[in-house]
Amino acid sequence: MEVLKARKADLDSIEKIYGHIHDGEEQGLTTTGWLRNIYPTRETAEAALDRGDLFVMSDCGKIVAAAVINQIQVREYAEAAWRHKAADREVMVLHCLAVEPLEKGKGYGRKFVAFYEDYAKQHGCTVLRMDTNELNTVARNLYRLLGYEEIGVVSCVFNGIPDVRLVCLEKYLG
């Protein structure tokens, strides 16, 4: 199992993962708060690929997860009461972590977050930030178990999705 920067050839697999997550949401099997054709979409992945901050996890040659890792703090973060004051260059952000639902329970989310933390350290970042929809209790529980603190909720339209209660999470690597 490895996490690498995504390539154009990975986009179809990433789009399928997004589709499976949307299927589960629409069937009531999962609650992420994401909406098909709004967020995330293939265009979400393409934009990240173009920026060079899209990553994929593969296991035995199969893409099982994808996420965006960068130092871009979305504008909604300005409303959050972050506990750790840090210059932008000291903050690494995990966006849009998507694990293939057909592969759940194998620890891929946990391992992707571990990669994110190592990546942040390698880039001199001591503050980790991320967010999730308040409805996404599975992600919230995972992040809590991994030492992330929920520092607040921002009500907003997020990535085109109306009426989101965005949970902002933070971890200090010190």
C-alpha atoms as a PDB file:
ATOM      1  CA  MET A   1       0.000   0.000   0.000  1.00  0.00           C
ATOM      2  CA  GLU A   2       1.304   3.430  -0.905  1.00  0.00           C
ATOM      3  CA  VAL A   3       0.203   7.046  -1.225  1.00  0.00           C
ATOM      4  CA  LEU A   4       1.484   8.984  -4.206  1.00  0.00           C
ATOM      5  CA  LYS A   5       0.711  12.140  -6.123  1.00  0.00           C
ATOM      6  CA  ALA A   6      -2.155  11.389  -8.474  1.00  0.00           C
ATOM      7  CA  ARG A   7      -1.707  11.132 -12.213  1.00  0.00           C
ATOM      8  CA  LYS A   8      -4.197  11.881 -14.959  1.00  0.00           C
ATOM      9  CA  ALA A   9      -4.684   8.127 -15.385  1.00  0.00           C
ATOM     10  CA  ASP A  10      -6.053   7.985 -11.794  1.00  0.00           C
ATOM     11  CA  LEU A  11      -8.992  10.322 -12.459  1.00  0.00           C
ATOM     12  CA  ASP A  12     -11.392   7.578 -13.578  1.00  0.00           C
ATOM     13  CA  SER A  13     -10.764   5.619 -10.369  1.00  0.00           C
ATOM     14  CA  ILE A  14     -11.196   8.720  -8.218  1.00  0.00           C
ATOM     15  CA  GLU A  15     -14.443   9.578 -10.002  1.00  0.00           C
ATOM     16  CA  LYS A  16     -15.709   6.032  -9.314  1.00  0.00           C
ATOM     17  CA  ILE A  17     -14.907   6.402  -5.615  1.00  0.00           C
ATOM     18  CA  TYR A  18     -16.858   9.672  -5.508  1.00  0.00           C
ATOM     19  CA  GLY A  19     -19.724   7.949  -7.337  1.00  0.00           C
ATOM     20  CA  HIS A  20     -19.808   5.055  -4.868  1.00  0.00           C
ATOM     21  CA  ILE A  21     -19.867   7.510  -1.961  1.00  0.00           C
ATOM     22  CA  HIS A  22     -22.739   9.422  -3.589  1.00  0.00           C
ATOM     23  CA  ASP A  23     -24.567   6.105  -4.192  1.00  0.00           C
ATOM     24  CA  GLY A  24     -24.270   5.243  -0.505  1.00  0.00           C
ATOM     25  CA  GLU A  25     -25.475   8.699   0.505  1.00  0.00           C
ATOM     26  CA  GLU A  26     -28.517   8.475  -1.778  1.00  0.00           C
ATOM     27  CA  GLN A  27     -29.336   4.964  -0.538  1.00  0.00           C
ATOM     28  CA  GLY A  28     -29.108   6.045   3.106  1.00  0.00           C
ATOM     29  CA  LEU A  29     -26.116   3.785   3.771  1.00  0.00           C
ATOM     30  CA  THR A  30     -23.769   6.618   4.696  1.00  0.00           C
ATOM     31  CA  THR A  31     -23.955  10.272   5.601  1.00  0.00           C
ATOM     32  CA  THR A  32     -21.219  12.537   4.311  1.00  0.00           C
ATOM     33  CA  GLY A  33     -23.279  15.578   3.400  1.00  0.00           C
ATOM     34  CA  TRP A  34     -21.826  15.475  -0.126  1.00  0.00           C
ATOM     35  CA  LEU A  35     -24.124  15.890  -3.147  1.00  0.00           C
ATOM     36  CA  ARG A  36     -23.767  14.192  -6.520  1.00  0.00           C
ATOM     37  CA  ASN A  37     -22.901  16.587  -9.358  1.00  0.00           C
ATOM     38  CA  ILE A  38     -22.047  19.312  -6.811  1.00  0.00           C
ATOM     39  CA  TYR A  39     -19.207  18.046  -4.602  1.00  0.00           C
ATOM     40  CA  PRO A  40     -16.979  16.214  -4.995  1.00  0.00           C
ATOM     41  CA  THR A  41     -16.929  15.736  -8.751  1.00  0.00           C
ATOM     42  CA  ARG A  42     -14.419  14.729 -11.363  1.00  0.00           C
ATOM     43  CA  GLU A  43     -13.778  18.462 -11.802  1.00  0.00           C
ATOM     44  CA  THR A  44     -12.862  18.653  -8.107  1.00  0.00           C
ATOM     45  CA  ALA A  45     -10.174  16.030  -8.710  1.00  0.00           C
ATOM     46  CA  GLU A  46      -9.040  17.589 -12.001  1.00  0.00           C
ATOM     47  CA  ALA A  47      -8.529  20.995 -10.379  1.00  0.00           C
ATOM     48  CA  ALA A  48      -6.435  19.415  -7.608  1.00  0.00           C
ATOM     49  CA  LEU A  49      -4.447  17.416 -10.148  1.00  0.00           C
ATOM     50  CA  ASP A  50      -3.728  20.616 -12.072  1.00  0.00           C
ATOM     51  CA  ARG A  51      -2.512  22.279  -8.841  1.00  0.00           C
ATOM     52  CA  GLY A  52      -0.366  19.253  -8.037  1.00  0.00           C
ATOM     53  CA  ASP A  53      -1.971  18.550  -4.661  1.00  0.00           C
ATOM     54  CA  LEU A  54      -4.121  15.494  -5.403  1.00  0.00           C
ATOM     55  CA  PHE A  55      -2.957  12.242  -3.804  1.00  0.00           C
ATOM     56  CA  VAL A  56      -4.120   8.659  -4.172  1.00  0.00           C
ATOM     57  CA  MET A  57      -3.679   5.556  -2.072  1.00  0.00           C
ATOM     58  CA  SER A  58      -3.264   2.312  -3.924  1.00  0.00           C
ATOM     59  CA  ASP A  59      -3.324  -1.212  -2.593  1.00  0.00           C
ATOM     60  CA  CYS A  60      -2.163  -4.022  -4.867  1.00  0.00           C
ATOM     61  CA  GLY A  61      -2.380  -1.624  -7.803  1.00  0.00           C
ATOM     62  CA  LYS A  62      -5.975  -0.536  -7.096  1.00  0.00           C
ATOM     63  CA  ILE A  63      -6.853   3.044  -6.105  1.00  0.00           C
ATOM     64  CA  VAL A  64      -8.669   2.799  -2.762  1.00  0.00           C
ATOM     65  CA  ALA A  65      -8.639   6.418  -1.560  1.00  0.00           C
ATOM     66  CA  ALA A  66      -7.928   9.961  -2.667  1.00  0.00           C
ATOM     67  CA  ALA A  67      -7.511  13.338  -1.006  1.00  0.00           C
ATOM     68  CA  VAL A  68      -6.190  16.826  -1.520  1.00  0.00           C
ATOM     69  CA  ILE A  69      -3.290  17.938   0.672  1.00  0.00           C
ATOM     70  CA  ASN A  70      -2.086  21.524   0.521  1.00  0.00           C
ATOM     71  CA  GLN A  71      -1.677  24.721   2.495  1.00  0.00           C
ATOM     72  CA  ILE A  72      -4.881  26.328   1.222  1.00  0.00           C
ATOM     73  CA  GLN A  73      -7.162  27.273   4.090  1.00  0.00           C
ATOM     74  CA  VAL A  74     -10.662  27.744   2.702  1.00  0.00           C
ATOM     75  CA  ARG A  75     -12.293  31.103   3.406  1.00  0.00           C
ATOM     76  CA  GLU A  76     -14.670  29.529   5.956  1.00  0.00           C
ATOM     77  CA  TYR A  77     -11.648  28.833   8.161  1.00  0.00           C
ATOM     78  CA  ALA A  78     -11.421  32.565   8.893  1.00  0.00           C
ATOM     79  CA  GLU A  79     -14.552  32.148  11.045  1.00  0.00           C
ATOM     80  CA  ALA A  80     -13.097  29.301  13.101  1.00  0.00           C
ATOM     81  CA  ALA A  81     -11.581  29.863  16.545  1.00  0.00           C
ATOM     82  CA  TRP A  82      -8.360  27.949  15.942  1.00  0.00           C
ATOM     83  CA  ARG A  83      -6.501  27.042  19.129  1.00  0.00           C
ATOM     84  CA  HIS A  84      -3.045  27.152  17.566  1.00  0.00           C
ATOM     85  CA  LYS A  85      -2.032  30.442  16.029  1.00  0.00           C
ATOM     86  CA  ALA A  86       0.246  29.795  13.078  1.00  0.00           C
ATOM     87  CA  ALA A  87       1.505  31.473   9.954  1.00  0.00           C
ATOM     88  CA  ASP A  88       0.007  30.082   6.757  1.00  0.00           C
ATOM     89  CA  ARG A  89       3.358  28.453   5.899  1.00  0.00           C
ATOM     90  CA  GLU A  90       3.094  26.400   9.136  1.00  0.00           C
ATOM     91  CA  VAL A  91      -0.367  24.974   8.357  1.00  0.00           C
ATOM     92  CA  MET A  92      -1.126  21.902   6.229  1.00  0.00           C
ATOM     93  CA  VAL A  93      -4.720  21.116   5.273  1.00  0.00           C
ATOM     94  CA  LEU A  94      -6.399  17.835   4.323  1.00  0.00           C
ATOM     95  CA  HIS A  95      -9.369  18.267   1.979  1.00  0.00           C
ATOM     96  CA  CYS A  96     -11.896  15.839   0.529  1.00  0.00           C
ATOM     97  CA  LEU A  97     -10.610  12.537   1.888  1.00  0.00           C
ATOM     98  CA  ALA A  98     -12.569   9.889  -0.015  1.00  0.00           C
ATOM     99  CA  VAL A  99     -12.141   6.202   0.755  1.00  0.00           C
ATOM    100  CA  GLU A 100     -13.715   3.611  -1.527  1.00  0.00           C
ATOM    101  CA  PRO A 101     -16.821   2.411   0.377  1.00  0.00           C
ATOM    102  CA  LEU A 102     -16.406  -1.070  -1.094  1.00  0.00           C
ATOM    103  CA  GLU A 103     -13.070  -1.242   0.769  1.00  0.00           C
ATOM    104  CA  LYS A 104     -14.229   0.121   4.138  1.00  0.00           C
ATOM    105  CA  GLY A 105     -12.929  -1.341   7.357  1.00  0.00           C
ATOM    106  CA  LYS A 106      -9.392  -1.886   6.071  1.00  0.00           C
ATOM    107  CA  GLY A 107      -7.824   1.133   7.789  1.00  0.00           C
ATOM    108  CA  TYR A 108      -7.284   3.134   4.613  1.00  0.00           C
ATOM    109  CA  GLY A 109      -8.636   6.352   6.115  1.00  0.00           C
ATOM    110  CA  ARG A 110      -6.392   6.034   9.154  1.00  0.00           C
ATOM    111  CA  LYS A 111      -3.367   5.286   6.960  1.00  0.00           C
ATOM    112  CA  PHE A 112      -4.116   8.207   4.648  1.00  0.00           C
ATOM    113  CA  VAL A 113      -4.264  10.576   7.611  1.00  0.00           C
ATOM    114  CA  ALA A 114      -0.929   9.181   8.836  1.00  0.00           C
ATOM    115  CA  PHE A 115       0.542   9.949   5.400  1.00  0.00           C
ATOM    116  CA  TYR A 116      -0.904  13.482   5.608  1.00  0.00           C
ATOM    117  CA  GLU A 117       0.723  14.032   9.003  1.00  0.00           C
ATOM    118  CA  ASP A 118       4.114  12.787   7.757  1.00  0.00           C
ATOM    119  CA  TYR A 119       3.792  14.940   4.636  1.00  0.00           C
ATOM    120  CA  ALA A 120       3.084  17.984   6.825  1.00  0.00           C
ATOM    121  CA  LYS A 121       6.163  17.291   8.964  1.00  0.00           C
ATOM    122  CA  GLN A 122       8.335  16.898   5.866  1.00  0.00           C
ATOM    123  CA  HIS A 123       7.137  20.323   4.713  1.00  0.00           C
ATOM    124  CA  GLY A 124       7.829  22.031   8.046  1.00  0.00           C
ATOM    125  CA  CYS A 125       4.200  22.343   9.134  1.00  0.00           C
ATOM    126  CA  THR A 126       3.294  22.010  12.803  1.00  0.00           C
ATOM    127  CA  VAL A 127      -0.444  22.718  12.590  1.00  0.00           C
ATOM    128  CA  LEU A 128      -2.823  20.349  10.822  1.00  0.00           C
ATOM    129  CA  ARG A 129      -6.307  21.474   9.843  1.00  0.00           C
ATOM    130  CA  MET A 130      -9.248  19.835   8.153  1.00  0.00           C
ATOM    131  CA  ASP A 131     -13.000  19.987   8.089  1.00  0.00           C
ATOM    132  CA  THR A 132     -15.989  17.750   7.641  1.00  0.00           C
ATOM    133  CA  ASN A 133     -19.725  18.099   7.503  1.00  0.00           C
ATOM    134  CA  GLU A 134     -21.339  17.901  10.940  1.00  0.00           C
ATOM    135  CA  LEU A 135     -23.478  15.051   9.553  1.00  0.00           C
ATOM    136  CA  ASN A 136     -20.405  12.914   8.816  1.00  0.00           C
ATOM    137  CA  THR A 137     -20.137  11.149  12.167  1.00  0.00           C
ATOM    138  CA  VAL A 138     -17.911   8.375  10.770  1.00  0.00           C
ATOM    139  CA  ALA A 139     -15.208  10.856   9.733  1.00  0.00           C
ATOM    140  CA  ARG A 140     -15.615  12.858  12.924  1.00  0.00           C
ATOM    141  CA  ASN A 141     -15.109   9.750  15.058  1.00  0.00           C
ATOM    142  CA  LEU A 142     -12.043   8.719  13.046  1.00  0.00           C
ATOM    143  CA  TYR A 143     -10.458  12.144  13.336  1.00  0.00           C
ATOM    144  CA  ARG A 144     -11.189  12.283  17.071  1.00  0.00           C
ATOM    145  CA  LEU A 145      -9.511   8.874  17.530  1.00  0.00           C
ATOM    146  CA  LEU A 146      -6.487  10.191  15.632  1.00  0.00           C
ATOM    147  CA  GLY A 147      -6.086  13.135  17.992  1.00  0.00           C
ATOM    148  CA  TYR A 148      -7.884  15.912  16.092  1.00  0.00           C
ATOM    149  CA  GLU A 149      -9.829  18.413  18.144  1.00  0.00           C
ATOM    150  CA  GLU A 150     -13.132  19.812  16.941  1.00  0.00           C
ATOM    151  CA  ILE A 151     -12.639  23.508  17.529  1.00  0.00           C
ATOM    152  CA  GLY A 152     -15.943  24.807  16.200  1.00  0.00           C
ATOM    153  CA  VAL A 153     -18.729  24.737  13.654  1.00  0.00           C
ATOM    154  CA  VAL A 154     -19.179  27.233  10.817  1.00  0.00           C
ATOM    155  CA  SER A 155     -22.595  27.488   9.154  1.00  0.00           C
ATOM    156  CA  CYS A 156     -22.142  28.121   5.437  1.00  0.00           C
ATOM    157  CA  VAL A 157     -22.647  27.163   1.835  1.00  0.00           C
ATOM    158  CA  PHE A 158     -19.644  24.904   1.296  1.00  0.00           C
ATOM    159  CA  ASN A 159     -18.373  23.807  -2.098  1.00  0.00           C
ATOM    160  CA  GLY A 160     -21.810  24.621  -3.504  1.00  0.00           C
ATOM    161  CA  ILE A 161     -23.692  22.622  -0.858  1.00  0.00           C
ATOM    162  CA  PRO A 162     -26.246  24.768   1.011  1.00  0.00           C
ATOM    163  CA  ASP A 163     -26.904  24.751   4.760  1.00  0.00           C
ATOM    164  CA  VAL A 164     -23.665  23.031   5.766  1.00  0.00           C
ATOM    165  CA  ARG A 165     -22.521  22.997   9.360  1.00  0.00           C
ATOM    166  CA  LEU A 166     -18.791  22.689   8.779  1.00  0.00           C
ATOM    167  CA  VAL A 167     -16.871  21.119  11.663  1.00  0.00           C
ATOM    168  CA  CYS A 168     -13.337  22.507  11.789  1.00  0.00           C
ATOM    169  CA  LEU A 169     -10.680  20.220  13.236  1.00  0.00           C
ATOM    170  CA  GLU A 170      -7.117  20.845  14.284  1.00  0.00           C
ATOM    171  CA  LYS A 171      -4.067  18.972  15.547  1.00  0.00           C
ATOM    172  CA  TYR A 172      -0.785  20.406  16.728  1.00  0.00           C
ATOM    173  CA  LEU A 173       2.380  18.480  15.925  1.00  0.00           C
ATOM    174  CA  GLY A 174       4.636  20.745  17.973  1.00  0.00           C
END
